Every structure is written in structure tokens, then in C-alpha cells.
Amino acid sequence: MNPTVDTDEMPAEIDFSGGARGKFYRPGAQVRLPIHLEAGVQDTLAAIANARGIELSVLVNDLLRKDIELIQMAR
């Protein structure tokens, strides 16, 4: 980064004059974050899901629900 460049100022070529504040804001909306699995974990879980004839996401959610139950019971 060039220490002589002022990073506090918005560049002149960026024009927000036609923008609308909150255009995409939705009260109560929830963000669904992507979850990234290690390759080996994903491969193993995908093979299990395939053998059971279910989607990978169904298997992962089932496993996580069971883990959550175990964690809550241990409290």
C-alpha cells in the first residue's frame, strides 16, 4: 500500500447520487452462511449419503442435530 495515498476519501469516479439507502434491507431477514468442509470429510460424508440415498445436506444436518442434542444433554 502506498503511504501517500489518502484512503479516507471516496474516489471521484464512484457516484452514489442515484443510490437508495436500504434498498435491499429486509427486516428479520436471516443470512445463510456457506459452510466449507475439508475435502476428505466431504468425500466421506458424500459416500455415506449416497449409500443411504439421501442428499449430503440432509445427512450433515442430521449429524449436526445429533451432536447438538448430545452437547445440550451434557450440560
C-alpha atoms as a PDB file:
ATOM      1  CA  MET A   1       0.000   0.000   0.000  1.00  0.00           C
ATOM      2  CA  ASN A   2       1.318   3.418  -0.925  1.00  0.00           C
ATOM      3  CA  PRO A   3       1.567   5.541   2.242  1.00  0.00           C
ATOM      4  CA  THR A   4       0.940   8.744   0.233  1.00  0.00           C
ATOM      5  CA  VAL A   5      -2.496   7.593  -0.939  1.00  0.00           C
ATOM      6  CA  ASP A   6      -5.366   9.008   1.144  1.00  0.00           C
ATOM      7  CA  THR A   7      -7.648   6.019   1.871  1.00  0.00           C
ATOM      8  CA  ASP A   8     -10.209   8.098   3.782  1.00  0.00           C
ATOM      9  CA  GLU A   9     -11.626   9.787   0.681  1.00  0.00           C
ATOM     10  CA  MET A  10     -14.064   8.179  -1.747  1.00  0.00           C
ATOM     11  CA  PRO A  11     -12.650   8.131  -5.305  1.00  0.00           C
ATOM     12  CA  ALA A  12     -14.285  10.713  -7.587  1.00  0.00           C
ATOM     13  CA  GLU A  13     -15.296   8.063 -10.166  1.00  0.00           C
ATOM     14  CA  ILE A  14     -17.660   6.417  -7.678  1.00  0.00           C
ATOM     15  CA  ASP A  15     -21.052   8.122  -7.888  1.00  0.00           C
ATOM     16  CA  PHE A  16     -23.741   7.246  -5.368  1.00  0.00           C
ATOM     17  CA  SER A  17     -26.079  10.102  -6.354  1.00  0.00           C
ATOM     18  CA  GLY A  18     -28.613   7.648  -7.831  1.00  0.00           C
ATOM     19  CA  GLY A  19     -28.370   5.226  -4.914  1.00  0.00           C
ATOM     20  CA  ALA A  20     -31.152   4.414  -2.482  1.00  0.00           C
ATOM     21  CA  ARG A  21     -30.334   3.777   1.173  1.00  0.00           C
ATOM     22  CA  GLY A  22     -31.738   0.491   2.439  1.00  0.00           C
ATOM     23  CA  LYS A  23     -32.979  -0.665  -0.967  1.00  0.00           C
ATOM     24  CA  PHE A  24     -32.195  -4.311  -0.191  1.00  0.00           C
ATOM     25  CA  TYR A  25     -32.751  -4.167   3.578  1.00  0.00           C
ATOM     26  CA  ARG A  26     -35.337  -6.670   4.777  1.00  0.00           C
ATOM     27  CA  PRO A  27     -36.284  -6.590   8.476  1.00  0.00           C
ATOM     28  CA  GLY A  28     -35.932 -10.009  10.053  1.00  0.00           C
ATOM     29  CA  ALA A  29     -34.033 -11.472   7.098  1.00  0.00           C
ATOM     30  CA  GLN A  30     -31.548 -14.173   8.039  1.00  0.00           C
ATOM     31  CA  VAL A  31     -28.240 -14.704   6.313  1.00  0.00           C
ATOM     32  CA  ARG A  32     -27.438 -18.321   5.490  1.00  0.00           C
ATOM     33  CA  LEU A  33     -23.685 -18.669   5.660  1.00  0.00           C
ATOM     34  CA  PRO A  34     -21.934 -21.129   3.380  1.00  0.00           C
ATOM     35  CA  ILE A  35     -20.171 -23.935   5.207  1.00  0.00           C
ATOM     36  CA  HIS A  36     -16.981 -25.333   3.726  1.00  0.00           C
ATOM     37  CA  LEU A  37     -15.956 -28.887   4.527  1.00  0.00           C
ATOM     38  CA  GLU A  38     -12.467 -30.294   4.209  1.00  0.00           C
ATOM     39  CA  ALA A  39     -12.205 -32.390   1.051  1.00  0.00           C
ATOM     40  CA  GLY A  40     -11.763 -35.690   2.886  1.00  0.00           C
ATOM     41  CA  VAL A  41     -14.690 -35.001   5.211  1.00  0.00           C
ATOM     42  CA  GLN A  42     -16.935 -34.049   2.299  1.00  0.00           C
ATOM     43  CA  ASP A  43     -15.911 -37.122   0.294  1.00  0.00           C
ATOM     44  CA  THR A  44     -16.640 -39.449   3.221  1.00  0.00           C
ATOM     45  CA  LEU A  45     -19.984 -37.835   4.033  1.00  0.00           C
ATOM     46  CA  ALA A  46     -20.974 -37.784   0.364  1.00  0.00           C
ATOM     47  CA  ALA A  47     -20.289 -41.525   0.113  1.00  0.00           C
ATOM     48  CA  ILE A  48     -22.404 -42.190   3.222  1.00  0.00           C
ATOM     49  CA  ALA A  49     -25.232 -40.006   1.928  1.00  0.00           C
ATOM     50  CA  ASN A  50     -25.086 -41.703  -1.454  1.00  0.00           C
ATOM     51  CA  ALA A  51     -25.216 -45.151   0.153  1.00  0.00           C
ATOM     52  CA  ARG A  52     -28.290 -44.075   2.142  1.00  0.00           C
ATOM     53  CA  GLY A  53     -29.903 -42.476  -0.902  1.00  0.00           C
ATOM     54  CA  ILE A  54     -30.159 -39.026   0.688  1.00  0.00           C
ATOM     55  CA  GLU A  55     -28.743 -35.596  -0.099  1.00  0.00           C
ATOM     56  CA  LEU A  56     -25.452 -34.621   1.507  1.00  0.00           C
ATOM     57  CA  SER A  57     -27.066 -31.597   3.177  1.00  0.00           C
ATOM     58  CA  VAL A  58     -29.702 -33.847   4.796  1.00  0.00           C
ATOM     59  CA  LEU A  59     -27.002 -36.116   6.219  1.00  0.00           C
ATOM     60  CA  VAL A  60     -24.899 -33.207   7.502  1.00  0.00           C
ATOM     61  CA  ASN A  61     -27.914 -31.545   9.149  1.00  0.00           C
ATOM     62  CA  ASP A  62     -28.927 -34.834  10.790  1.00  0.00           C
ATOM     63  CA  LEU A  63     -25.413 -35.366  12.146  1.00  0.00           C
ATOM     64  CA  LEU A  64     -25.204 -31.818  13.448  1.00  0.00           C
ATOM     65  CA  ARG A  65     -28.634 -32.066  15.109  1.00  0.00           C
ATOM     66  CA  LYS A  66     -27.483 -35.214  16.927  1.00  0.00           C
ATOM     67  CA  ASP A  67     -24.288 -33.503  18.050  1.00  0.00           C
ATOM     68  CA  ILE A  68     -26.275 -30.501  19.295  1.00  0.00           C
ATOM     69  CA  GLU A  69     -28.545 -32.828  21.303  1.00  0.00           C
ATOM     70  CA  LEU A  70     -25.508 -34.535  22.858  1.00  0.00           C
ATOM     71  CA  ILE A  71     -23.929 -31.199  23.744  1.00  0.00           C
ATOM     72  CA  GLN A  72     -27.146 -29.961  25.332  1.00  0.00           C
ATOM     73  CA  MET A  73     -27.605 -33.197  27.312  1.00  0.00           C
ATOM     74  CA  ALA A  74     -24.041 -32.937  28.654  1.00  0.00           C
ATOM     75  CA  ARG A  75     -24.705 -29.511  30.163  1.00  0.00           C
END
